[in-house]
Amino acid sequence: MNEIFSSPLLFERYEYKFHIPIELVDPISKFVEIYCELDPYSKREDDKFYKVNNIYLDSPGFLFLKTRLSGVDHRFNMRIRSYGENPEFPFFCEVKHKTMGIIKKKRAKIIDPNWAQKFEEKSFDSLNSGDITGDEDYLHHFLRLAYVHNIEPKVFTQYKRKAYASVVDDYARVTFDKDLRFERRSTYDLSPVESSLSHYDNPLNFEEDKNVILELKCTTQVPVWFLDLIRTFNLNRMSFSKYIAAAQEVIYDNVPHRFDRIPNFRIF
């Protein structure tokens, strides 16, 4: 597990998302492997897909969700992430900002075994003592937003990811996400509960047979081979938010309403 400690704690990039059928994963992978290698998580798995677990956080009134739905240009979400079926430290506090199409993600590592209790009690002063490590600016940024917005757990999501990192560019990544699942969660617990998870990669969120999310991620220098990949496989860019899709399932119990049509969930 040592590879995860060398993961960058600051990302600034563009993200391009596409919905594809599962049958395209292998041919696109072969195309990508000319320029990339599997990341350490994928290398460890027989099928090259590893599990990603997230607790999405929001204010009591779902401020972050409302901001996303209203299309505010400068927005962010907050989550805590772990990896694997039986998550092990470090976990990651993450704030993901989006402005003018540019994604900036800041991460801080959690290594304190009592982290969940401290978050539940909002004992953020104790987190500043070194229980959470990483760049101090990123940690303070996360904790400041957590305090100001009185964050609380809203949704737990899990998916399987196959990931590649470019070996010919300064920064470029290709990921495939499948088997998107969720559950309502109000506690700081990153362990998946198999019996409670439900799929949200359904026809309400995806075209028929196109329930794998392909993401191309890069800096402002877009690799030419990204464009070749898009043309070769005739890909059409789509927008998709795992938090919005899962939160919609949780709040409305799988009823296909839009938030802005519900009187008690008025958008700005």
C-alpha atoms as a PDB file:
ATOM      1  CA  MET A   1       0.000   0.000   0.000  1.00  0.00           C
ATOM      2  CA  ASN A   2       3.022   2.331   0.018  1.00  0.00           C
ATOM      3  CA  GLU A   3       2.246   3.676  -3.459  1.00  0.00           C
ATOM      4  CA  ILE A   4      -0.684   5.687  -2.194  1.00  0.00           C
ATOM      5  CA  PHE A   5       1.562   7.813   0.008  1.00  0.00           C
ATOM      6  CA  SER A   6       3.260   9.134  -3.105  1.00  0.00           C
ATOM      7  CA  SER A   7      -0.014  10.210  -4.730  1.00  0.00           C
ATOM      8  CA  PRO A   8      -0.166  13.924  -5.549  1.00  0.00           C
ATOM      9  CA  LEU A   9      -2.149  15.956  -3.032  1.00  0.00           C
ATOM     10  CA  LEU A  10      -3.002  18.728  -5.504  1.00  0.00           C
ATOM     11  CA  PHE A  11      -4.613  18.262  -8.907  1.00  0.00           C
ATOM     12  CA  GLU A  12      -5.479  21.016 -11.391  1.00  0.00           C
ATOM     13  CA  ARG A  13      -6.886  19.635 -14.600  1.00  0.00           C
ATOM     14  CA  TYR A  14      -9.607  19.308 -17.200  1.00  0.00           C
ATOM     15  CA  GLU A  15     -11.934  16.305 -17.104  1.00  0.00           C
ATOM     16  CA  TYR A  16     -13.798  14.912 -20.111  1.00  0.00           C
ATOM     17  CA  LYS A  17     -16.473  12.287 -19.433  1.00  0.00           C
ATOM     18  CA  PHE A  18     -18.050   9.783 -21.797  1.00  0.00           C
ATOM     19  CA  HIS A  19     -20.624   7.023 -21.320  1.00  0.00           C
ATOM     20  CA  ILE A  20     -19.573   3.830 -23.047  1.00  0.00           C
ATOM     21  CA  PRO A  21     -20.732   0.189 -23.216  1.00  0.00           C
ATOM     22  CA  ILE A  22     -18.696  -2.374 -21.299  1.00  0.00           C
ATOM     23  CA  GLU A  23     -17.648  -3.915 -24.632  1.00  0.00           C
ATOM     24  CA  LEU A  24     -15.503  -0.857 -25.387  1.00  0.00           C
ATOM     25  CA  VAL A  25     -13.374  -1.100 -22.245  1.00  0.00           C
ATOM     26  CA  ASP A  26     -10.933  -3.630 -23.684  1.00  0.00           C
ATOM     27  CA  PRO A  27     -10.378  -2.001 -27.105  1.00  0.00           C
ATOM     28  CA  ILE A  28     -10.007   1.466 -25.563  1.00  0.00           C
ATOM     29  CA  SER A  29      -7.594  -0.009 -23.008  1.00  0.00           C
ATOM     30  CA  LYS A  30      -5.438  -1.429 -25.795  1.00  0.00           C
ATOM     31  CA  PHE A  31      -5.410   1.987 -27.490  1.00  0.00           C
ATOM     32  CA  VAL A  32      -4.473   3.728 -24.237  1.00  0.00           C
ATOM     33  CA  GLU A  33      -1.698   1.276 -23.383  1.00  0.00           C
ATOM     34  CA  ILE A  34       0.416   2.704 -26.212  1.00  0.00           C
ATOM     35  CA  TYR A  35       0.764   5.887 -24.113  1.00  0.00           C
ATOM     36  CA  CYS A  36      -0.011   4.783 -20.544  1.00  0.00           C
ATOM     37  CA  GLU A  37       0.548   2.181 -17.885  1.00  0.00           C
ATOM     38  CA  LEU A  38      -1.860   0.891 -15.263  1.00  0.00           C
ATOM     39  CA  ASP A  39      -1.768   2.722 -11.955  1.00  0.00           C
ATOM     40  CA  PRO A  40      -0.619   0.822  -8.822  1.00  0.00           C
ATOM     41  CA  TYR A  41      -4.154   0.052  -7.626  1.00  0.00           C
ATOM     42  CA  SER A  42      -5.174  -1.539 -10.939  1.00  0.00           C
ATOM     43  CA  LYS A  43      -1.953  -3.541 -11.160  1.00  0.00           C
ATOM     44  CA  ARG A  44      -2.830  -5.333  -7.927  1.00  0.00           C
ATOM     45  CA  GLU A  45      -6.218  -6.587  -9.148  1.00  0.00           C
ATOM     46  CA  ASP A  46      -6.742  -9.646 -11.352  1.00  0.00           C
ATOM     47  CA  ASP A  47      -9.382  -7.897 -13.470  1.00  0.00           C
ATOM     48  CA  LYS A  48      -7.561  -4.515 -13.162  1.00  0.00           C
ATOM     49  CA  PHE A  49     -10.591  -2.885 -11.462  1.00  0.00           C
ATOM     50  CA  TYR A  50     -10.257  -1.706  -7.845  1.00  0.00           C
ATOM     51  CA  LYS A  51     -12.976  -0.377  -5.542  1.00  0.00           C
ATOM     52  CA  VAL A  52     -13.269   3.303  -4.658  1.00  0.00           C
ATOM     53  CA  ASN A  53     -15.382   4.291  -1.638  1.00  0.00           C
ATOM     54  CA  ASN A  54     -16.604   7.822  -0.924  1.00  0.00           C
ATOM     55  CA  ILE A  55     -18.588   9.570   1.769  1.00  0.00           C
ATOM     56  CA  TYR A  56     -20.022  12.721   0.187  1.00  0.00           C
ATOM     57  CA  LEU A  57     -20.458  15.589   2.615  1.00  0.00           C
ATOM     58  CA  ASP A  58     -22.822  18.530   2.445  1.00  0.00           C
ATOM     59  CA  SER A  59     -24.442  21.158   4.615  1.00  0.00           C
ATOM     60  CA  PRO A  60     -27.659  20.215   6.454  1.00  0.00           C
ATOM     61  CA  GLY A  61     -29.641  21.970   3.701  1.00  0.00           C
ATOM     62  CA  PHE A  62     -27.664  20.457   0.782  1.00  0.00           C
ATOM     63  CA  LEU A  63     -26.002  23.731  -0.177  1.00  0.00           C
ATOM     64  CA  PHE A  64     -23.308  22.068  -2.309  1.00  0.00           C
ATOM     65  CA  LEU A  65     -25.889  20.017  -4.189  1.00  0.00           C
ATOM     66  CA  LYS A  66     -28.095  23.026  -4.851  1.00  0.00           C
ATOM     67  CA  THR A  67     -25.122  24.998  -6.109  1.00  0.00           C
ATOM     68  CA  ARG A  68     -24.235  22.217  -8.546  1.00  0.00           C
ATOM     69  CA  LEU A  69     -27.788  21.951  -9.821  1.00  0.00           C
ATOM     70  CA  SER A  70     -28.159  25.699 -10.280  1.00  0.00           C
ATOM     71  CA  GLY A  71     -25.103  25.785 -12.549  1.00  0.00           C
ATOM     72  CA  VAL A  72     -23.044  28.193 -10.457  1.00  0.00           C
ATOM     73  CA  ASP A  73     -19.698  28.518 -12.218  1.00  0.00           C
ATOM     74  CA  HIS A  74     -17.493  28.479  -9.130  1.00  0.00           C
ATOM     75  CA  ARG A  75     -18.551  25.510  -7.024  1.00  0.00           C
ATOM     76  CA  PHE A  76     -17.113  22.658  -5.013  1.00  0.00           C
ATOM     77  CA  ASN A  77     -17.957  19.454  -3.242  1.00  0.00           C
ATOM     78  CA  MET A  78     -16.394  17.662  -0.287  1.00  0.00           C
ATOM     79  CA  ARG A  79     -15.821  13.978   0.306  1.00  0.00           C
ATOM     80  CA  ILE A  80     -13.735  11.463   2.209  1.00  0.00           C
ATOM     81  CA  ARG A  81     -12.293   8.634   0.141  1.00  0.00           C
ATOM     82  CA  SER A  82     -10.906   5.162   0.745  1.00  0.00           C
ATOM     83  CA  TYR A  83      -9.829   2.312  -1.496  1.00  0.00           C
ATOM     84  CA  GLY A  84     -10.574  -1.403  -1.518  1.00  0.00           C
ATOM     85  CA  GLU A  85     -13.157  -3.822  -0.168  1.00  0.00           C
ATOM     86  CA  ASN A  86     -11.626  -3.534   3.312  1.00  0.00           C
ATOM     87  CA  PRO A  87     -10.363   0.063   3.437  1.00  0.00           C
ATOM     88  CA  GLU A  88      -7.011   0.730   5.073  1.00  0.00           C
ATOM     89  CA  PHE A  89      -5.275   3.984   5.990  1.00  0.00           C
ATOM     90  CA  PRO A  90      -4.588   6.478   4.661  1.00  0.00           C
ATOM     91  CA  PHE A  91      -8.017   7.846   3.821  1.00  0.00           C
ATOM     92  CA  PHE A  92      -8.292  11.162   2.020  1.00  0.00           C
ATOM     93  CA  CYS A  93     -10.193  14.377   2.769  1.00  0.00           C
ATOM     94  CA  GLU A  94     -10.888  15.994  -0.588  1.00  0.00           C
ATOM     95  CA  VAL A  95     -12.275  19.317  -1.783  1.00  0.00           C
ATOM     96  CA  LYS A  96     -13.000  19.397  -5.495  1.00  0.00           C
ATOM     97  CA  HIS A  97     -13.452  22.876  -6.969  1.00  0.00           C
ATOM     98  CA  LYS A  98     -14.662  23.630 -10.490  1.00  0.00           C
ATOM     99  CA  THR A  99     -14.245  27.034 -12.134  1.00  0.00           C
ATOM    100  CA  MET A 100     -14.559  27.771 -15.853  1.00  0.00           C
ATOM    101  CA  GLY A 101     -14.268  24.073 -16.627  1.00  0.00           C
ATOM    102  CA  ILE A 102     -11.018  23.656 -14.673  1.00  0.00           C
ATOM    103  CA  ILE A 103     -11.002  21.126 -11.837  1.00  0.00           C
ATOM    104  CA  LYS A 104      -8.809  21.720  -8.802  1.00  0.00           C
ATOM    105  CA  LYS A 105      -8.760  18.956  -6.213  1.00  0.00           C
ATOM    106  CA  LYS A 106      -6.992  19.289  -2.866  1.00  0.00           C
ATOM    107  CA  ARG A 107      -6.361  16.251  -0.664  1.00  0.00           C
ATOM    108  CA  ALA A 108      -5.188  15.641   2.889  1.00  0.00           C
ATOM    109  CA  LYS A 109      -4.392  12.179   4.241  1.00  0.00           C
ATOM    110  CA  ILE A 110      -6.144  10.733   7.293  1.00  0.00           C
ATOM    111  CA  ILE A 111      -4.117   8.326   9.424  1.00  0.00           C
ATOM    112  CA  ASP A 112      -5.750   8.826  12.836  1.00  0.00           C
ATOM    113  CA  PRO A 113      -7.761   5.754  13.987  1.00  0.00           C
ATOM    114  CA  ASN A 114     -10.160   8.076  15.869  1.00  0.00           C
ATOM    115  CA  TRP A 115     -10.839  10.295  12.862  1.00  0.00           C
ATOM    116  CA  ALA A 116     -14.523   9.357  12.582  1.00  0.00           C
ATOM    117  CA  GLN A 117     -15.322  10.325  16.190  1.00  0.00           C
ATOM    118  CA  LYS A 118     -13.481  13.628  15.777  1.00  0.00           C
ATOM    119  CA  PHE A 119     -15.460  14.435  12.651  1.00  0.00           C
ATOM    120  CA  GLU A 120     -18.751  13.436  14.303  1.00  0.00           C
ATOM    121  CA  GLU A 121     -17.958  15.720  17.237  1.00  0.00           C
ATOM    122  CA  LYS A 122     -16.459  18.372  14.929  1.00  0.00           C
ATOM    123  CA  SER A 123     -13.332  18.331  17.088  1.00  0.00           C
ATOM    124  CA  PHE A 124     -11.361  19.964  14.332  1.00  0.00           C
ATOM    125  CA  ASP A 125      -8.778  21.506  16.680  1.00  0.00           C
ATOM    126  CA  SER A 126      -7.444  18.045  17.477  1.00  0.00           C
ATOM    127  CA  LEU A 127      -7.029  17.317  13.774  1.00  0.00           C
ATOM    128  CA  ASN A 128      -4.520  20.142  13.493  1.00  0.00           C
ATOM    129  CA  SER A 129      -2.071  18.375  15.792  1.00  0.00           C
ATOM    130  CA  GLY A 130      -0.816  16.084  13.072  1.00  0.00           C
ATOM    131  CA  ASP A 131      -3.474  13.379  13.184  1.00  0.00           C
ATOM    132  CA  ILE A 132      -4.138  14.227   9.558  1.00  0.00           C
ATOM    133  CA  THR A 133      -1.058  14.657   7.428  1.00  0.00           C
ATOM    134  CA  GLY A 134      -0.355  16.224   4.082  1.00  0.00           C
ATOM    135  CA  ASP A 135       0.100  19.767   2.973  1.00  0.00           C
ATOM    136  CA  GLU A 136      -1.096  21.924   5.859  1.00  0.00           C
ATOM    137  CA  ASP A 137      -2.741  24.435   3.523  1.00  0.00           C
ATOM    138  CA  TYR A 138      -4.917  21.697   2.008  1.00  0.00           C
ATOM    139  CA  LEU A 139      -5.856  20.371   5.433  1.00  0.00           C
ATOM    140  CA  HIS A 140      -6.767  23.806   6.764  1.00  0.00           C
ATOM    141  CA  HIS A 141      -8.774  24.516   3.613  1.00  0.00           C
ATOM    142  CA  PHE A 142     -10.841  21.362   4.119  1.00  0.00           C
ATOM    143  CA  LEU A 143     -11.390  21.954   7.837  1.00  0.00           C
ATOM    144  CA  ARG A 144     -12.310  25.597   7.320  1.00  0.00           C
ATOM    145  CA  LEU A 145     -15.017  24.635   4.816  1.00  0.00           C
ATOM    146  CA  ALA A 146     -16.168  21.802   7.074  1.00  0.00           C
ATOM    147  CA  TYR A 147     -16.632  24.230   9.964  1.00  0.00           C
ATOM    148  CA  VAL A 148     -18.226  27.077   8.000  1.00  0.00           C
ATOM    149  CA  HIS A 149     -20.766  24.836   6.267  1.00  0.00           C
ATOM    150  CA  ASN A 150     -21.415  22.519   9.220  1.00  0.00           C
ATOM    151  CA  ILE A 151     -20.868  19.504   6.970  1.00  0.00           C
ATOM    152  CA  GLU A 152     -22.364  16.092   7.602  1.00  0.00           C
ATOM    153  CA  PRO A 153     -22.326  12.760   5.725  1.00  0.00           C
ATOM    154  CA  LYS A 154     -25.092  12.440   3.143  1.00  0.00           C
ATOM    155  CA  VAL A 155     -24.309   9.632   0.706  1.00  0.00           C
ATOM    156  CA  PHE A 156     -21.906   6.704   0.486  1.00  0.00           C
ATOM    157  CA  THR A 157     -20.876   5.634  -3.020  1.00  0.00           C
ATOM    158  CA  GLN A 158     -18.727   2.849  -4.357  1.00  0.00           C
ATOM    159  CA  TYR A 159     -17.588   1.954  -7.852  1.00  0.00           C
ATOM    160  CA  LYS A 160     -14.960  -0.177  -9.558  1.00  0.00           C
ATOM    161  CA  ARG A 161     -12.199   1.705 -11.358  1.00  0.00           C
ATOM    162  CA  LYS A 162      -9.592   0.770 -13.922  1.00  0.00           C
ATOM    163  CA  ALA A 163      -7.023   3.544 -14.198  1.00  0.00           C
ATOM    164  CA  TYR A 164      -4.127   4.433 -16.454  1.00  0.00           C
ATOM    165  CA  ALA A 165      -1.439   7.113 -16.116  1.00  0.00           C
ATOM    166  CA  SER A 166       0.416   8.517 -19.105  1.00  0.00           C
ATOM    167  CA  VAL A 167       4.115   7.809 -19.493  1.00  0.00           C
ATOM    168  CA  VAL A 168       4.552  10.329 -22.344  1.00  0.00           C
ATOM    169  CA  ASP A 169       2.828  13.424 -20.901  1.00  0.00           C
ATOM    170  CA  ASP A 170       3.456  15.586 -17.851  1.00  0.00           C
ATOM    171  CA  TYR A 171       0.021  14.600 -16.573  1.00  0.00           C
ATOM    172  CA  ALA A 172      -2.734  12.602 -18.240  1.00  0.00           C
ATOM    173  CA  ARG A 173      -4.994   9.903 -16.845  1.00  0.00           C
ATOM    174  CA  VAL A 174      -7.652   7.614 -18.265  1.00  0.00           C
ATOM    175  CA  THR A 175     -10.168   5.907 -15.989  1.00  0.00           C
ATOM    176  CA  PHE A 176     -13.067   3.501 -16.462  1.00  0.00           C
ATOM    177  CA  ASP A 177     -15.712   3.437 -13.710  1.00  0.00           C
ATOM    178  CA  LYS A 178     -18.368   0.723 -13.541  1.00  0.00           C
ATOM    179  CA  ASP A 179     -20.783  -0.895 -11.068  1.00  0.00           C
ATOM    180  CA  LEU A 180     -21.829   2.412  -9.498  1.00  0.00           C
ATOM    181  CA  ARG A 181     -23.564   1.800  -6.173  1.00  0.00           C
ATOM    182  CA  PHE A 182     -24.790   3.942  -3.292  1.00  0.00           C
ATOM    183  CA  GLU A 183     -26.535   4.053   0.037  1.00  0.00           C
ATOM    184  CA  ARG A 184     -27.794   6.718   2.417  1.00  0.00           C
ATOM    185  CA  ARG A 185     -25.169   7.268   5.104  1.00  0.00           C
ATOM    186  CA  SER A 186     -25.188   9.651   8.050  1.00  0.00           C
ATOM    187  CA  THR A 187     -22.037   8.423   9.822  1.00  0.00           C
ATOM    188  CA  TYR A 188     -18.323   8.758   9.113  1.00  0.00           C
ATOM    189  CA  ASP A 189     -17.827   5.136   8.126  1.00  0.00           C
ATOM    190  CA  LEU A 190     -15.906   4.303   4.955  1.00  0.00           C
ATOM    191  CA  SER A 191     -16.520   0.552   5.069  1.00  0.00           C
ATOM    192  CA  PRO A 192     -18.884  -0.708   2.362  1.00  0.00           C
ATOM    193  CA  VAL A 193     -21.930  -2.664   3.544  1.00  0.00           C
ATOM    194  CA  GLU A 194     -22.638  -5.068   0.709  1.00  0.00           C
ATOM    195  CA  SER A 195     -26.248  -5.795   1.682  1.00  0.00           C
ATOM    196  CA  SER A 196     -27.134  -2.080   1.762  1.00  0.00           C
ATOM    197  CA  LEU A 197     -25.670  -0.958  -1.558  1.00  0.00           C
ATOM    198  CA  SER A 198     -27.909  -0.374  -4.582  1.00  0.00           C
ATOM    199  CA  HIS A 199     -27.010   0.364  -8.191  1.00  0.00           C
ATOM    200  CA  TYR A 200     -27.590   3.796  -9.691  1.00  0.00           C
ATOM    201  CA  ASP A 201     -26.076   3.013 -13.094  1.00  0.00           C
ATOM    202  CA  ASN A 202     -29.622   2.562 -14.369  1.00  0.00           C
ATOM    203  CA  PRO A 203     -31.665   3.907 -17.334  1.00  0.00           C
ATOM    204  CA  LEU A 204     -32.519   7.062 -15.372  1.00  0.00           C
ATOM    205  CA  ASN A 205     -28.864   8.077 -15.476  1.00  0.00           C
ATOM    206  CA  PHE A 206     -27.461   6.294 -18.540  1.00  0.00           C
ATOM    207  CA  GLU A 207     -28.432   5.355 -22.049  1.00  0.00           C
ATOM    208  CA  GLU A 208     -29.204   1.688 -22.482  1.00  0.00           C
ATOM    209  CA  ASP A 209     -26.030  -0.440 -22.347  1.00  0.00           C
ATOM    210  CA  LYS A 210     -23.792   2.620 -21.805  1.00  0.00           C
ATOM    211  CA  ASN A 211     -23.271   2.486 -18.070  1.00  0.00           C
ATOM    212  CA  VAL A 212     -19.480   2.681 -17.882  1.00  0.00           C
ATOM    213  CA  ILE A 213     -17.960   6.140 -17.319  1.00  0.00           C
ATOM    214  CA  LEU A 214     -14.799   6.848 -19.284  1.00  0.00           C
ATOM    215  CA  GLU A 215     -12.855   9.902 -18.096  1.00  0.00           C
ATOM    216  CA  LEU A 216      -9.926  11.597 -19.803  1.00  0.00           C
ATOM    217  CA  LYS A 217      -8.043  13.889 -17.427  1.00  0.00           C
ATOM    218  CA  CYS A 218      -5.234  16.259 -18.287  1.00  0.00           C
ATOM    219  CA  THR A 219      -3.745  19.679 -17.678  1.00  0.00           C
ATOM    220  CA  THR A 220      -4.354  22.575 -20.058  1.00  0.00           C
ATOM    221  CA  GLN A 221      -2.039  20.773 -22.493  1.00  0.00           C
ATOM    222  CA  VAL A 222      -4.516  18.304 -24.034  1.00  0.00           C
ATOM    223  CA  PRO A 223      -2.662  15.286 -25.480  1.00  0.00           C
ATOM    224  CA  VAL A 224      -3.141  14.770 -29.215  1.00  0.00           C
ATOM    225  CA  TRP A 225      -3.790  11.098 -28.542  1.00  0.00           C
ATOM    226  CA  PHE A 226      -6.870  12.089 -26.493  1.00  0.00           C
ATOM    227  CA  LEU A 227      -8.323  13.556 -29.687  1.00  0.00           C
ATOM    228  CA  ASP A 228      -7.336  10.465 -31.664  1.00  0.00           C
ATOM    229  CA  LEU A 229      -9.035   8.258 -29.074  1.00  0.00           C
ATOM    230  CA  ILE A 230     -12.254  10.293 -29.212  1.00  0.00           C
ATOM    231  CA  ARG A 231     -12.342  10.148 -33.021  1.00  0.00           C
ATOM    232  CA  THR A 232     -11.379   6.477 -33.244  1.00  0.00           C
ATOM    233  CA  PHE A 233     -14.189   5.340 -30.979  1.00  0.00           C
ATOM    234  CA  ASN A 234     -16.701   8.029 -31.992  1.00  0.00           C
ATOM    235  CA  LEU A 235     -17.158   9.195 -28.408  1.00  0.00           C
ATOM    236  CA  ASN A 236     -19.675  11.856 -27.396  1.00  0.00           C
ATOM    237  CA  ARG A 237     -18.871  13.910 -24.346  1.00  0.00           C
ATOM    238  CA  MET A 238     -21.426  13.723 -21.511  1.00  0.00           C
ATOM    239  CA  SER A 239     -21.777  15.377 -18.118  1.00  0.00           C
ATOM    240  CA  PHE A 240     -22.266  13.220 -15.052  1.00  0.00           C
ATOM    241  CA  SER A 241     -21.955  13.733 -11.309  1.00  0.00           C
ATOM    242  CA  LYS A 242     -21.749  10.694  -9.062  1.00  0.00           C
ATOM    243  CA  TYR A 243     -22.873  12.785  -6.103  1.00  0.00           C
ATOM    244  CA  ILE A 244     -25.907  14.269  -7.848  1.00  0.00           C
ATOM    245  CA  ALA A 245     -27.032  10.919  -9.235  1.00  0.00           C
ATOM    246  CA  ALA A 246     -26.616   9.097  -5.921  1.00  0.00           C
ATOM    247  CA  ALA A 247     -28.157  11.921  -3.869  1.00  0.00           C
ATOM    248  CA  GLN A 248     -31.178  11.980  -6.150  1.00  0.00           C
ATOM    249  CA  GLU A 249     -31.700   8.265  -5.576  1.00  0.00           C
ATOM    250  CA  VAL A 250     -31.314   8.678  -1.809  1.00  0.00           C
ATOM    251  CA  ILE A 251     -33.529  11.719  -1.318  1.00  0.00           C
ATOM    252  CA  TYR A 252     -36.389  10.623  -3.546  1.00  0.00           C
ATOM    253  CA  ASP A 253     -36.186   6.863  -3.058  1.00  0.00           C
ATOM    254  CA  ASN A 254     -35.623   6.147  -6.743  1.00  0.00           C
ATOM    255  CA  VAL A 255     -38.497   8.375  -7.925  1.00  0.00           C
ATOM    256  CA  PRO A 256     -37.337  10.052 -11.182  1.00  0.00           C
ATOM    257  CA  HIS A 257     -38.089  13.666 -10.214  1.00  0.00           C
ATOM    258  CA  ARG A 258     -35.810  16.615 -10.762  1.00  0.00           C
ATOM    259  CA  PHE A 259     -34.815  18.537  -7.659  1.00  0.00           C
ATOM    260  CA  ASP A 260     -35.913  21.864  -9.101  1.00  0.00           C
ATOM    261  CA  ARG A 261     -39.474  20.550  -9.558  1.00  0.00           C
ATOM    262  CA  ILE A 262     -39.862  19.691  -5.903  1.00  0.00           C
ATOM    263  CA  PRO A 263     -41.311  22.671  -3.950  1.00  0.00           C
ATOM    264  CA  ASN A 264     -39.343  21.874  -0.786  1.00  0.00           C
ATOM    265  CA  PHE A 265     -36.050  21.655  -2.674  1.00  0.00           C
ATOM    266  CA  ARG A 266     -36.002  24.991  -4.443  1.00  0.00           C
ATOM    267  CA  ILE A 267     -32.857  25.936  -6.324  1.00  0.00           C
ATOM    268  CA  PHE A 268     -31.455  29.460  -5.901  1.00  0.00           C
END
